[in-house]
Protein backbone atom coordinates (compact mmCIF):
# COMPACT_ATOMS: atom_id res chain seq x y z
CA MET A 1 0.01 0.12 -0.22
CA PRO A 2 1.37 3.76 -0.83
CA SER A 3 2.51 5.87 1.99
CA ARG A 4 0.31 8.87 3.02
CA PRO A 5 2.52 11.46 1.00
CA VAL A 6 2.24 9.37 -2.33
CA VAL A 7 -1.21 9.14 -1.86
CA LEU A 8 -1.47 12.94 -1.26
CA LEU A 9 0.75 13.75 -4.35
CA ALA A 10 -0.86 11.74 -6.37
CA GLY A 11 -4.55 12.67 -5.39
CA GLY A 12 -3.54 16.90 -5.88
CA THR A 13 -1.72 15.83 -9.22
CA ALA A 14 -5.00 14.33 -10.28
CA TYR A 15 -6.71 17.46 -9.25
CA SER A 16 -4.51 19.70 -10.53
CA LEU A 17 -4.53 18.37 -13.90
CA VAL A 18 -8.64 18.38 -13.96
CA VAL A 19 -8.71 22.39 -12.73
CA ALA A 20 -6.20 23.19 -15.08
CA ALA A 21 -8.39 22.01 -17.82
CA THR A 22 -10.87 24.40 -16.91
CA THR A 23 -11.34 27.70 -18.29
CA PRO A 24 -10.59 30.45 -15.77
CA PHE A 25 -13.45 32.53 -14.12
CA THR A 26 -15.90 29.75 -15.45
CA LEU A 27 -18.48 27.70 -12.94
CA ALA A 28 -16.34 24.66 -13.42
CA ALA A 29 -12.95 26.33 -12.61
CA ASP A 30 -14.62 28.53 -9.50
CA VAL A 31 -16.43 25.29 -7.98
CA LEU A 32 -13.46 23.32 -8.23
CA THR A 33 -11.05 26.04 -6.98
CA GLY A 34 -13.74 26.71 -4.20
CA LEU A 35 -13.55 22.66 -3.38
CA ALA A 36 -9.81 23.51 -2.58
CA VAL A 37 -10.38 26.18 -0.23
CA VAL A 38 -13.32 25.01 1.38
CA ALA A 39 -11.23 21.63 2.20
CA MET A 40 -8.38 23.70 3.79
CA ALA A 41 -10.66 25.66 5.76
CA VAL A 42 -12.21 22.61 7.35
CA LEU A 43 -9.08 20.69 7.61
CA VAL A 44 -7.81 24.09 9.67
CA ILE A 45 -10.80 24.08 11.92
CA ALA A 46 -10.47 20.60 12.81
CA SER A 47 -6.92 20.27 13.11
CA TRP A 48 -5.57 23.42 14.59
CA PRO A 49 -5.21 24.77 18.13
CA LEU A 50 -8.04 26.56 19.38
CA ARG A 51 -5.43 29.16 20.60
CA THR A 52 -2.32 30.51 19.16
CA ARG A 53 0.77 30.32 21.48
CA THR A 54 3.54 33.13 21.73
CA VAL A 55 6.34 32.51 19.62
CA ARG A 56 9.89 33.14 21.41
CA SER A 57 13.02 34.60 19.34
CA ARG A 58 15.45 31.70 19.47
CA THR A 59 18.36 33.87 19.53
CA SER A 60 17.52 35.57 22.89
CA PRO A 61 15.58 33.38 25.04
CA GLY A 62 14.30 36.54 27.34
CA ALA A 63 12.82 38.25 24.28
CA ARG A 64 9.49 38.98 24.35
CA GLY A 65 7.31 36.69 21.94
CA ALA A 66 6.93 37.50 18.50
CA HIS A 67 3.40 37.81 16.43
CA PRO A 68 3.17 34.54 14.92
CA TYR A 69 1.51 36.23 11.68
CA ARG A 70 3.81 39.09 11.44
CA PRO A 71 5.63 37.37 8.41
CA TRP A 72 2.11 36.68 6.69
CA ILE A 73 1.14 40.44 7.21
CA VAL A 74 4.28 41.72 5.97
CA LEU A 75 4.44 39.41 2.66
CA PHE A 76 0.51 40.47 1.80
CA ALA A 77 1.63 43.76 2.48
CA VAL A 78 4.34 43.63 -0.06
CA PHE A 79 2.68 41.77 -2.68
CA THR A 80 -0.41 44.21 -2.47
CA LEU A 81 1.65 47.29 -2.53
CA TRP A 82 3.71 45.82 -5.93
CA GLU A 83 -0.02 45.07 -7.34
CA LEU A 84 -1.14 48.53 -6.75
CA ALA A 85 2.10 50.11 -7.53
CA ASN A 86 2.04 48.40 -11.04
CA TYR A 87 -1.37 48.68 -11.71
CA ALA A 88 -1.20 52.52 -11.20
CA HIS A 89 1.26 52.75 -13.94
CA GLY A 90 -1.33 51.22 -16.39
CA SER A 91 1.04 49.64 -18.86
CA ARG A 92 1.18 45.80 -17.95
CA ALA A 93 3.92 44.73 -20.25
CA ALA A 94 6.45 47.31 -18.84
CA HIS A 95 5.33 46.87 -15.04
CA PRO A 96 3.45 43.57 -14.65
CA THR A 97 1.83 42.66 -11.81
CA PHE A 98 1.60 39.07 -10.26
CA SER A 99 -1.85 38.19 -11.89
CA SER A 100 -0.73 39.50 -15.57
CA ILE A 101 2.86 37.30 -14.97
CA THR A 102 0.18 34.15 -13.81
CA ASP A 103 -2.02 34.75 -16.79
CA ALA A 104 0.81 34.43 -19.13
CA VAL A 105 1.94 31.16 -17.28
CA ASN A 106 -1.57 29.79 -17.23
CA ARG A 107 -1.98 29.49 -20.86
CA PHE A 108 -0.08 26.46 -21.13
CA TYR A 109 -1.83 23.46 -19.51
CA LEU A 110 0.87 21.73 -17.66
CA LEU A 111 2.55 24.92 -16.22
CA LYS A 112 -1.06 25.95 -14.91
CA ALA A 113 -1.56 22.41 -13.27
CA ALA A 114 1.88 22.85 -11.66
CA LEU A 115 0.96 26.12 -10.26
CA PHE A 116 -2.27 24.79 -8.89
CA LEU A 117 -0.33 21.81 -7.44
CA GLY A 118 2.26 24.18 -5.94
CA TRP A 119 -0.58 26.21 -4.16
CA LEU A 120 -2.38 23.07 -2.86
CA VAL A 121 1.26 21.62 -1.36
CA PHE A 122 1.64 25.39 0.14
CA GLY A 123 -1.61 25.37 1.81
CA LEU A 124 -1.04 21.88 2.78
CA SER A 125 2.42 22.89 4.38
CA ILE A 126 0.99 26.10 6.44
CA LEU A 127 -1.85 23.40 7.74
CA ARG A 128 0.77 20.71 8.73
CA GLN A 129 3.01 23.52 10.54
CA GLY A 130 -0.24 24.72 12.52
CA ALA A 131 -1.67 21.55 13.45
CA GLY A 132 1.86 20.19 14.54
CA ARG A 133 2.37 22.83 16.84
CA GLY A 134 -1.16 22.34 18.66
CA ARG A 135 -0.30 18.43 18.73
CA PHE A 136 2.83 19.06 20.23
CA ALA A 137 1.75 21.65 22.79
CA ALA A 138 -1.34 19.49 23.68
CA ARG A 139 0.75 16.49 24.26
CA ARG A 140 3.76 18.36 26.17
CA SER A 141 1.02 20.52 28.53
CA GLU A 142 -0.58 16.51 29.23
CA THR A 143 2.39 15.07 30.09
CA GLY A 144 4.32 17.83 31.89
CA ARG A 145 7.36 17.67 29.54
CA HIS A 146 8.36 17.58 26.13
CA ALA A 147 6.74 14.78 23.64
CA GLY A 148 8.62 11.92 23.26
CA GLN A 149 10.88 12.78 26.42
CA ARG A 150 11.80 9.43 28.48
CA GLY A 151 12.23 8.88 32.21
CA GLU A 152 10.14 10.27 35.11
CA PRO A 153 8.60 13.80 35.11
C-alpha cells in the first residue's frame, strides 16, 4: 500500500490536472478551486489548536514573543503594494503585476497544473505546521514534559 505522502501527491496532481483543464472564471473553475479552499478551511478548523501560542525568539531567550502572523502580514502587504504600484502605471507589459505574470503562465496546461499543485502543497504545508504545533503543545501540557522525552517527570 502506498504511503500517505504518495497518495496525497498523486491525488493533488490528478486534481490539479482536472482544474488546469478548466477555463478561468467559469463555473467549473470556480467550483473546483472553491472545493480546495473549503477542504483546507475544514482541515484547519479540525486540526489547529483553539488558541495561538506566543513565539519566542531563538536568539534571545528572554525576548518578548513575536506575533506569529507578522511574516504573513508583511508578505501580504508587499504583494498588495506591488500590485497597486504596477496597476497605477497602467502598462502591464512594462510593469507586470503578479496576476498578469500568472496569466502568461496559465496559458500552458502543464504549467497551470503545476502552479495549482504548488498552491495546494503550500496550503498543506501551512496546515501541517499549524496542526503540528497544536498537537505538540497539547501533548506537552498533558505530560508536563516534552513529547517523546523518556524518564520520570
